[in-house]
Amino acid sequence: GSALGLLSLFGFGVAVVHQHSYIAPRCAARPKQVVYNPQGGRAPLLGWIPWVLSLNYDTLLKGVPGTGTRQGGQAGSLLKCNLDAIVLLRFHALGLKISGL
């Protein structure tokens, strides 16, 4: 199970590096420099993982800065999560903490 999870994360990183056009449906209206920007100056292959883990719930609800649809990601509708996704993320985080005990 762990090997398949690591393989999936690595495969997503390869898709980011090669700028695959079908990386995510929500990214279809985003400029390429927004979708494939190495966030925080990290390497695109696996550097997106710490950046995503650093996002807090408030940022996910309001919208991630730099992910807009216009002006290189600085203007327009931002990528955000709905409340159901936040509850699901918190549930999985709790399950991970319990399984670590």
N, C-alpha and C. Protein backbone atom coordinates (compact mmCIF):
# COMPACT_ATOMS: atom_id res chain seq x y z
N GLY A 1 0.80 -1.19 0.00
CA GLY A 1 0.00 0.00 0.00
C GLY A 1 0.85 1.26 0.00
N SER A 2 1.90 1.27 0.82
CA SER A 2 2.76 2.46 0.90
C SER A 2 3.51 2.68 -0.40
N ALA A 3 3.95 1.58 -1.01
CA ALA A 3 4.68 1.70 -2.27
C ALA A 3 3.80 2.28 -3.37
N LEU A 4 2.54 1.87 -3.40
CA LEU A 4 1.61 2.41 -4.40
C LEU A 4 1.35 3.89 -4.15
N GLY A 5 1.23 4.29 -2.88
CA GLY A 5 1.05 5.70 -2.55
C GLY A 5 2.25 6.53 -2.98
N LEU A 6 3.45 6.04 -2.69
CA LEU A 6 4.67 6.76 -3.11
C LEU A 6 4.79 6.83 -4.62
N LEU A 7 4.41 5.75 -5.30
CA LEU A 7 4.44 5.74 -6.76
C LEU A 7 3.46 6.76 -7.33
N SER A 8 2.28 6.89 -6.71
CA SER A 8 1.29 7.87 -7.17
C SER A 8 1.80 9.30 -6.98
N LEU A 9 2.40 9.59 -5.83
CA LEU A 9 2.95 10.92 -5.59
C LEU A 9 4.06 11.24 -6.57
N PHE A 10 4.92 10.25 -6.84
CA PHE A 10 6.01 10.45 -7.80
C PHE A 10 5.45 10.66 -9.21
N GLY A 11 4.42 9.89 -9.57
CA GLY A 11 3.80 10.05 -10.90
C GLY A 11 3.17 11.42 -11.07
N PHE A 12 2.55 11.95 -10.02
CA PHE A 12 1.99 13.30 -10.09
C PHE A 12 3.11 14.32 -10.27
N GLY A 13 4.22 14.10 -9.57
CA GLY A 13 5.37 14.99 -9.73
C GLY A 13 5.92 14.97 -11.15
N VAL A 14 5.95 13.80 -11.76
CA VAL A 14 6.41 13.69 -13.17
C VAL A 14 5.46 14.45 -14.09
N ALA A 15 4.15 14.34 -13.83
CA ALA A 15 3.17 15.08 -14.64
C ALA A 15 3.36 16.58 -14.50
N VAL A 16 3.72 17.04 -13.31
CA VAL A 16 3.99 18.47 -13.11
C VAL A 16 5.24 18.89 -13.86
N VAL A 17 6.28 18.09 -13.78
CA VAL A 17 7.54 18.42 -14.47
C VAL A 17 7.33 18.51 -15.97
N HIS A 18 6.58 17.58 -16.54
CA HIS A 18 6.37 17.54 -17.99
C HIS A 18 5.17 18.38 -18.44
N GLN A 19 4.55 19.08 -17.51
CA GLN A 19 3.43 19.98 -17.78
C GLN A 19 2.33 19.29 -18.59
N HIS A 20 1.88 18.16 -18.07
CA HIS A 20 0.80 17.41 -18.70
C HIS A 20 -0.48 18.23 -18.67
N SER A 21 -1.21 18.26 -19.78
CA SER A 21 -2.37 19.14 -19.89
C SER A 21 -3.59 18.66 -19.10
N TYR A 22 -3.65 17.39 -18.73
CA TYR A 22 -4.80 16.86 -17.98
C TYR A 22 -4.44 16.58 -16.53
N ILE A 23 -3.70 17.47 -15.91
CA ILE A 23 -3.23 17.23 -14.54
C ILE A 23 -4.36 17.29 -13.53
N ALA A 24 -5.32 18.21 -13.69
CA ALA A 24 -6.47 18.31 -12.80
C ALA A 24 -7.56 19.10 -13.49
N PRO A 25 -8.82 18.68 -13.38
CA PRO A 25 -9.91 19.40 -14.05
C PRO A 25 -10.06 20.85 -13.60
N ARG A 26 -9.80 21.14 -12.32
CA ARG A 26 -9.97 22.51 -11.82
C ARG A 26 -8.90 23.45 -12.37
N CYS A 27 -7.86 22.90 -12.97
CA CYS A 27 -6.76 23.73 -13.45
C CYS A 27 -6.91 24.09 -14.93
N ALA A 28 -8.00 23.70 -15.56
CA ALA A 28 -8.16 23.93 -17.00
C ALA A 28 -8.20 25.42 -17.35
N ALA A 29 -8.78 26.26 -16.49
CA ALA A 29 -8.89 27.69 -16.78
C ALA A 29 -7.72 28.49 -16.23
N ARG A 30 -6.76 27.85 -15.61
CA ARG A 30 -5.62 28.56 -15.01
C ARG A 30 -4.50 28.73 -16.03
N PRO A 31 -3.78 29.84 -15.97
CA PRO A 31 -2.60 29.99 -16.84
C PRO A 31 -1.54 28.95 -16.48
N LYS A 32 -0.75 28.54 -17.47
CA LYS A 32 0.27 27.51 -17.23
C LYS A 32 1.28 27.92 -16.17
N GLN A 33 1.64 29.21 -16.13
CA GLN A 33 2.62 29.63 -15.13
C GLN A 33 2.08 29.51 -13.71
N VAL A 34 0.77 29.47 -13.55
CA VAL A 34 0.18 29.29 -12.22
C VAL A 34 0.17 27.81 -11.85
N VAL A 35 -0.24 26.96 -12.77
CA VAL A 35 -0.36 25.53 -12.49
C VAL A 35 1.00 24.89 -12.28
N TYR A 36 1.96 25.24 -13.08
CA TYR A 36 3.25 24.57 -13.04
C TYR A 36 4.33 25.39 -12.37
N ASN A 37 3.94 26.40 -11.62
CA ASN A 37 4.91 27.22 -10.89
C ASN A 37 5.45 26.42 -9.71
N PRO A 38 6.77 26.26 -9.62
CA PRO A 38 7.29 25.56 -8.44
C PRO A 38 7.08 26.44 -7.21
N GLN A 39 6.09 26.14 -6.43
CA GLN A 39 5.69 26.97 -5.30
C GLN A 39 6.82 27.08 -4.29
N GLY A 40 7.14 28.29 -3.90
CA GLY A 40 8.17 28.51 -2.91
C GLY A 40 9.57 28.24 -3.42
N GLY A 41 9.76 28.18 -4.74
CA GLY A 41 11.08 27.94 -5.31
C GLY A 41 11.56 26.51 -5.16
N ARG A 42 10.67 25.58 -4.88
CA ARG A 42 11.05 24.18 -4.71
C ARG A 42 11.09 23.48 -6.06
N ALA A 43 11.76 22.34 -6.08
CA ALA A 43 11.81 21.52 -7.29
C ALA A 43 10.42 20.99 -7.58
N PRO A 44 9.98 20.98 -8.84
CA PRO A 44 8.60 20.58 -9.14
C PRO A 44 8.32 19.08 -8.99
N LEU A 45 9.35 18.24 -8.99
CA LEU A 45 9.10 16.81 -8.96
C LEU A 45 8.45 16.38 -7.64
N LEU A 46 9.02 16.70 -6.51
CA LEU A 46 8.44 16.37 -5.22
C LEU A 46 8.32 17.59 -4.31
N GLY A 47 8.73 18.76 -4.79
CA GLY A 47 8.70 19.96 -3.98
C GLY A 47 7.30 20.48 -3.70
N TRP A 48 6.31 20.03 -4.45
CA TRP A 48 4.94 20.48 -4.23
C TRP A 48 4.36 19.89 -2.95
N ILE A 49 4.89 18.78 -2.47
CA ILE A 49 4.33 18.12 -1.30
C ILE A 49 4.48 18.98 -0.04
N PRO A 50 5.69 19.49 0.30
CA PRO A 50 5.78 20.33 1.50
C PRO A 50 4.97 21.62 1.37
N TRP A 51 4.88 22.16 0.15
CA TRP A 51 4.10 23.39 -0.04
C TRP A 51 2.63 23.14 0.24
N VAL A 52 2.09 22.03 -0.25
CA VAL A 52 0.68 21.71 -0.02
C VAL A 52 0.44 21.44 1.47
N LEU A 53 1.36 20.75 2.11
CA LEU A 53 1.20 20.45 3.53
C LEU A 53 1.30 21.71 4.39
N SER A 54 1.93 22.77 3.87
CA SER A 54 2.07 24.01 4.65
C SER A 54 0.81 24.88 4.59
N LEU A 55 -0.13 24.57 3.69
CA LEU A 55 -1.36 25.36 3.60
C LEU A 55 -2.26 25.07 4.80
N ASN A 56 -2.86 26.12 5.36
CA ASN A 56 -3.77 25.91 6.49
C ASN A 56 -5.21 25.92 5.99
N TYR A 57 -6.13 25.55 6.87
CA TYR A 57 -7.54 25.42 6.48
C TYR A 57 -8.14 26.76 6.07
N ASP A 58 -7.74 27.83 6.74
CA ASP A 58 -8.26 29.15 6.41
C ASP A 58 -7.89 29.55 4.98
N THR A 59 -6.65 29.28 4.61
CA THR A 59 -6.19 29.59 3.25
C THR A 59 -6.95 28.76 2.23
N LEU A 60 -7.20 27.49 2.54
CA LEU A 60 -7.93 26.63 1.61
C LEU A 60 -9.37 27.10 1.41
N LEU A 61 -10.00 27.61 2.47
CA LEU A 61 -11.37 28.11 2.35
C LEU A 61 -11.46 29.41 1.58
N LYS A 62 -10.52 30.33 1.83
CA LYS A 62 -10.56 31.65 1.19
C LYS A 62 -9.99 31.64 -0.22
N GLY A 63 -9.05 30.74 -0.50
CA GLY A 63 -8.42 30.66 -1.81
C GLY A 63 -6.91 30.78 -1.66
N VAL A 64 -6.19 29.97 -2.41
CA VAL A 64 -4.74 29.95 -2.33
C VAL A 64 -4.17 31.12 -3.12
N PRO A 65 -3.38 31.99 -2.48
CA PRO A 65 -2.82 33.14 -3.20
C PRO A 65 -1.94 32.71 -4.37
N GLY A 66 -2.05 33.44 -5.47
CA GLY A 66 -1.25 33.15 -6.65
C GLY A 66 -1.85 32.12 -7.58
N THR A 67 -3.10 31.70 -7.34
CA THR A 67 -3.72 30.69 -8.20
C THR A 67 -4.93 31.23 -8.95
N GLY A 68 -4.94 32.53 -9.21
CA GLY A 68 -6.06 33.15 -9.92
C GLY A 68 -6.10 32.79 -11.39
N THR A 69 -7.17 33.19 -12.05
CA THR A 69 -7.36 32.85 -13.47
C THR A 69 -6.83 33.93 -14.41
N ARG A 70 -6.49 35.12 -13.89
CA ARG A 70 -6.03 36.21 -14.76
C ARG A 70 -4.76 36.84 -14.21
N GLN A 71 -4.07 37.56 -15.06
CA GLN A 71 -2.86 38.32 -14.73
C GLN A 71 -1.81 37.45 -14.04
N GLY A 72 -1.52 36.31 -14.63
CA GLY A 72 -0.49 35.43 -14.09
C GLY A 72 -0.82 34.85 -12.73
N GLY A 73 -2.09 34.71 -12.44
CA GLY A 73 -2.52 34.12 -11.18
C GLY A 73 -2.76 35.12 -10.07
N GLN A 74 -2.53 36.40 -10.33
CA GLN A 74 -2.68 37.41 -9.28
C GLN A 74 -4.08 37.98 -9.18
N ALA A 75 -4.93 37.76 -10.16
CA ALA A 75 -6.30 38.28 -10.15
C ALA A 75 -7.25 37.18 -10.58
N GLY A 76 -8.51 37.40 -10.31
CA GLY A 76 -9.54 36.44 -10.72
C GLY A 76 -9.85 35.44 -9.62
N SER A 77 -10.63 34.44 -9.97
CA SER A 77 -11.07 33.42 -9.03
C SER A 77 -9.89 32.57 -8.58
N LEU A 78 -9.75 32.39 -7.27
CA LEU A 78 -8.66 31.58 -6.72
C LEU A 78 -9.10 30.13 -6.54
N LEU A 79 -8.13 29.22 -6.55
CA LEU A 79 -8.42 27.83 -6.22
C LEU A 79 -8.71 27.72 -4.74
N LYS A 80 -9.80 27.07 -4.38
CA LYS A 80 -10.17 26.92 -2.97
C LYS A 80 -10.89 25.60 -2.76
N CYS A 81 -11.01 25.22 -1.51
CA CYS A 81 -11.73 24.00 -1.13
C CYS A 81 -13.05 24.39 -0.49
N ASN A 82 -14.05 23.53 -0.63
CA ASN A 82 -15.29 23.79 0.08
C ASN A 82 -15.20 23.19 1.49
N LEU A 83 -16.18 23.46 2.32
CA LEU A 83 -16.14 23.03 3.71
C LEU A 83 -16.16 21.51 3.84
N ASP A 84 -16.84 20.82 2.94
CA ASP A 84 -16.85 19.35 2.99
C ASP A 84 -15.45 18.78 2.84
N ALA A 85 -14.66 19.36 1.95
CA ALA A 85 -13.28 18.89 1.75
C ALA A 85 -12.43 19.16 2.98
N ILE A 86 -12.66 20.30 3.64
CA ILE A 86 -11.91 20.62 4.85
C ILE A 86 -12.24 19.61 5.96
N VAL A 87 -13.51 19.27 6.11
CA VAL A 87 -13.91 18.28 7.12
C VAL A 87 -13.28 16.93 6.80
N LEU A 88 -13.26 16.56 5.54
CA LEU A 88 -12.64 15.29 5.14
C LEU A 88 -11.14 15.30 5.43
N LEU A 89 -10.46 16.41 5.13
CA LEU A 89 -9.03 16.51 5.42
C LEU A 89 -8.76 16.39 6.92
N ARG A 90 -9.58 17.04 7.73
CA ARG A 90 -9.40 16.97 9.18
C ARG A 90 -9.65 15.55 9.70
N PHE A 91 -10.62 14.85 9.10
CA PHE A 91 -10.91 13.47 9.49
C PHE A 91 -9.72 12.58 9.19
N HIS A 92 -9.13 12.75 7.99
CA HIS A 92 -7.97 11.94 7.62
C HIS A 92 -6.76 12.28 8.49
N ALA A 93 -6.59 13.55 8.84
CA ALA A 93 -5.49 13.94 9.73
C ALA A 93 -5.66 13.29 11.10
N LEU A 94 -6.88 13.26 11.62
CA LEU A 94 -7.16 12.62 12.91
C LEU A 94 -6.88 11.12 12.82
N GLY A 95 -7.33 10.50 11.73
CA GLY A 95 -7.08 9.07 11.55
C GLY A 95 -5.59 8.74 11.48
N LEU A 96 -4.81 9.63 10.84
CA LEU A 96 -3.36 9.42 10.76
C LEU A 96 -2.73 9.53 12.14
N LYS A 97 -3.20 10.48 12.96
CA LYS A 97 -2.66 10.64 14.32
C LYS A 97 -3.01 9.42 15.17
N ILE A 98 -4.22 8.91 15.05
CA ILE A 98 -4.63 7.75 15.83
C ILE A 98 -3.85 6.50 15.40
N SER A 99 -3.64 6.34 14.10
CA SER A 99 -2.92 5.16 13.64
C SER A 99 -1.45 5.21 14.05
N GLY A 100 -0.93 6.41 14.30
CA GLY A 100 0.45 6.54 14.76
C GLY A 100 0.63 6.15 16.21
N LEU A 101 -0.46 6.10 16.95
CA LEU A 101 -0.36 5.71 18.37
C LEU A 101 -0.24 4.23 18.44
